[in-house]
Amino acid sequence: MGFVSISEKDLQEPDVISIDIYPNPFNSSCEINVPAQSKVSICDITGNVVYAPSEDGQNIHSQTRTIIWKPADEISSGMYFAKAVLNDGRVISERVIYLK
């Protein structure tokens, strides 16, 4: 009977990726932290994009990117989703509540 050995080098932990939003719920603006080099959008509950920040000026050496979302006057109170699409195609999202 043979033995199989597994070295620790063969085991890889998955990358932990997340979107952090503070404060949540919010009433005037919120800070959204996403993985660097991701394409970000804010969508309403029907999937319509209500905000998509510019990708100009991103620091390619940074691990995270911070976006300040100040909804326009025509944006109503409610539930929205912050969505980030990473370079490898993974998509992450987080719920955000806007209260006027």
Protein backbone atom coordinates (compact mmCIF):
# COMPACT_ATOMS: atom_id res chain seq x y z
CA MET A 1 0.00 0.00 0.00
CA GLY A 2 1.44 3.35 -1.05
CA PHE A 3 1.21 6.65 0.73
CA VAL A 4 0.34 9.98 -0.79
CA SER A 5 1.92 13.05 0.68
CA ILE A 6 0.61 16.56 0.36
CA SER A 7 2.91 19.43 1.00
CA GLU A 8 1.70 22.79 2.26
CA LYS A 9 2.98 24.38 -0.94
CA ASP A 10 0.29 22.56 -2.90
CA LEU A 11 -2.51 24.09 -0.82
CA GLN A 12 -3.60 27.59 -1.75
CA GLU A 13 -6.04 29.71 0.17
CA PRO A 14 -8.63 31.49 -1.97
CA ASP A 15 -8.29 35.22 -2.41
CA VAL A 16 -10.64 37.09 -0.13
CA ILE A 17 -12.28 39.89 -2.04
CA SER A 18 -14.94 42.21 -0.76
CA ILE A 19 -16.63 45.56 -1.04
CA ASP A 20 -16.74 47.64 2.14
CA ILE A 21 -19.29 50.46 2.43
CA TYR A 22 -19.40 53.01 5.22
CA PRO A 23 -21.75 54.26 6.52
CA ASN A 24 -24.50 51.92 5.42
CA PRO A 25 -27.29 53.01 5.44
CA PHE A 26 -26.32 56.57 4.55
CA ASN A 27 -28.09 59.86 3.79
CA SER A 28 -25.68 62.17 1.95
CA SER A 29 -22.60 60.22 0.89
CA CYS A 30 -20.85 56.94 1.51
CA GLU A 31 -17.34 55.59 1.10
CA ILE A 32 -17.02 52.46 -1.01
CA ASN A 33 -13.78 50.46 -0.85
CA VAL A 34 -13.26 47.96 -3.67
CA PRO A 35 -10.33 45.92 -4.96
CA ALA A 36 -7.93 48.00 -7.04
CA GLN A 37 -8.19 47.77 -10.82
CA SER A 38 -11.86 46.77 -10.72
CA LYS A 39 -14.63 48.32 -12.77
CA VAL A 40 -17.23 49.74 -10.38
CA SER A 41 -20.88 50.64 -10.81
CA ILE A 42 -23.85 51.42 -8.59
CA CYS A 43 -27.11 49.82 -9.74
CA ASP A 44 -30.71 50.12 -8.61
CA ILE A 45 -32.76 47.03 -7.78
CA THR A 46 -33.81 46.63 -11.43
CA GLY A 47 -30.17 46.53 -12.57
CA ASN A 48 -30.02 50.02 -14.09
CA VAL A 49 -26.67 51.71 -13.54
CA VAL A 50 -27.22 54.94 -11.61
CA TYR A 51 -23.53 55.79 -11.10
CA ALA A 52 -20.27 54.65 -12.66
CA PRO A 53 -17.16 56.45 -11.40
CA SER A 54 -14.28 57.32 -13.69
CA GLU A 55 -11.38 54.90 -13.71
CA ASP A 56 -8.87 57.71 -14.30
CA GLY A 57 -6.12 58.19 -11.76
CA GLN A 58 -6.15 54.70 -10.26
CA ASN A 59 -2.97 53.75 -8.46
CA ILE A 60 -1.88 50.47 -10.07
CA HIS A 61 0.22 49.57 -7.01
CA SER A 62 -2.61 49.94 -4.49
CA GLN A 63 -4.59 46.97 -3.15
CA THR A 64 -7.85 48.90 -2.80
CA ARG A 65 -9.66 51.79 -4.40
CA THR A 66 -11.90 54.22 -2.50
CA ILE A 67 -14.91 55.83 -4.14
CA ILE A 68 -17.13 58.46 -2.54
CA TRP A 69 -20.72 58.19 -3.78
CA LYS A 70 -22.84 61.34 -3.39
CA PRO A 71 -26.12 60.51 -5.15
CA ALA A 72 -27.56 63.16 -7.46
CA ASP A 73 -30.77 64.91 -6.39
CA GLU A 74 -32.89 62.83 -8.77
CA ILE A 75 -31.77 59.55 -7.11
CA SER A 76 -34.52 58.36 -4.76
CA SER A 77 -34.14 56.69 -1.40
CA GLY A 78 -33.90 52.93 -1.55
CA MET A 79 -31.71 49.88 -1.94
CA TYR A 80 -28.84 49.90 -4.42
CA PHE A 81 -25.99 47.54 -5.21
CA ALA A 82 -22.30 48.42 -5.49
CA LYS A 83 -20.80 46.06 -8.07
CA ALA A 84 -17.13 45.51 -8.86
CA VAL A 85 -15.90 43.48 -11.83
CA LEU A 86 -12.33 42.31 -11.32
CA ASN A 87 -9.75 41.88 -14.08
CA ASP A 88 -10.10 38.09 -13.90
CA GLY A 89 -13.86 38.32 -14.54
CA ARG A 90 -15.06 37.71 -10.99
CA VAL A 91 -17.97 39.89 -9.91
CA ILE A 92 -18.68 40.96 -6.35
CA SER A 93 -21.50 43.11 -5.07
CA GLU A 94 -22.75 44.58 -1.82
CA ARG A 95 -26.09 46.10 -0.88
CA VAL A 96 -26.18 49.78 0.07
CA ILE A 97 -29.17 51.65 1.51
CA TYR A 98 -29.71 55.32 0.65
CA LEU A 99 -31.97 57.33 2.96
CA LYS A 100 -32.84 60.94 2.08
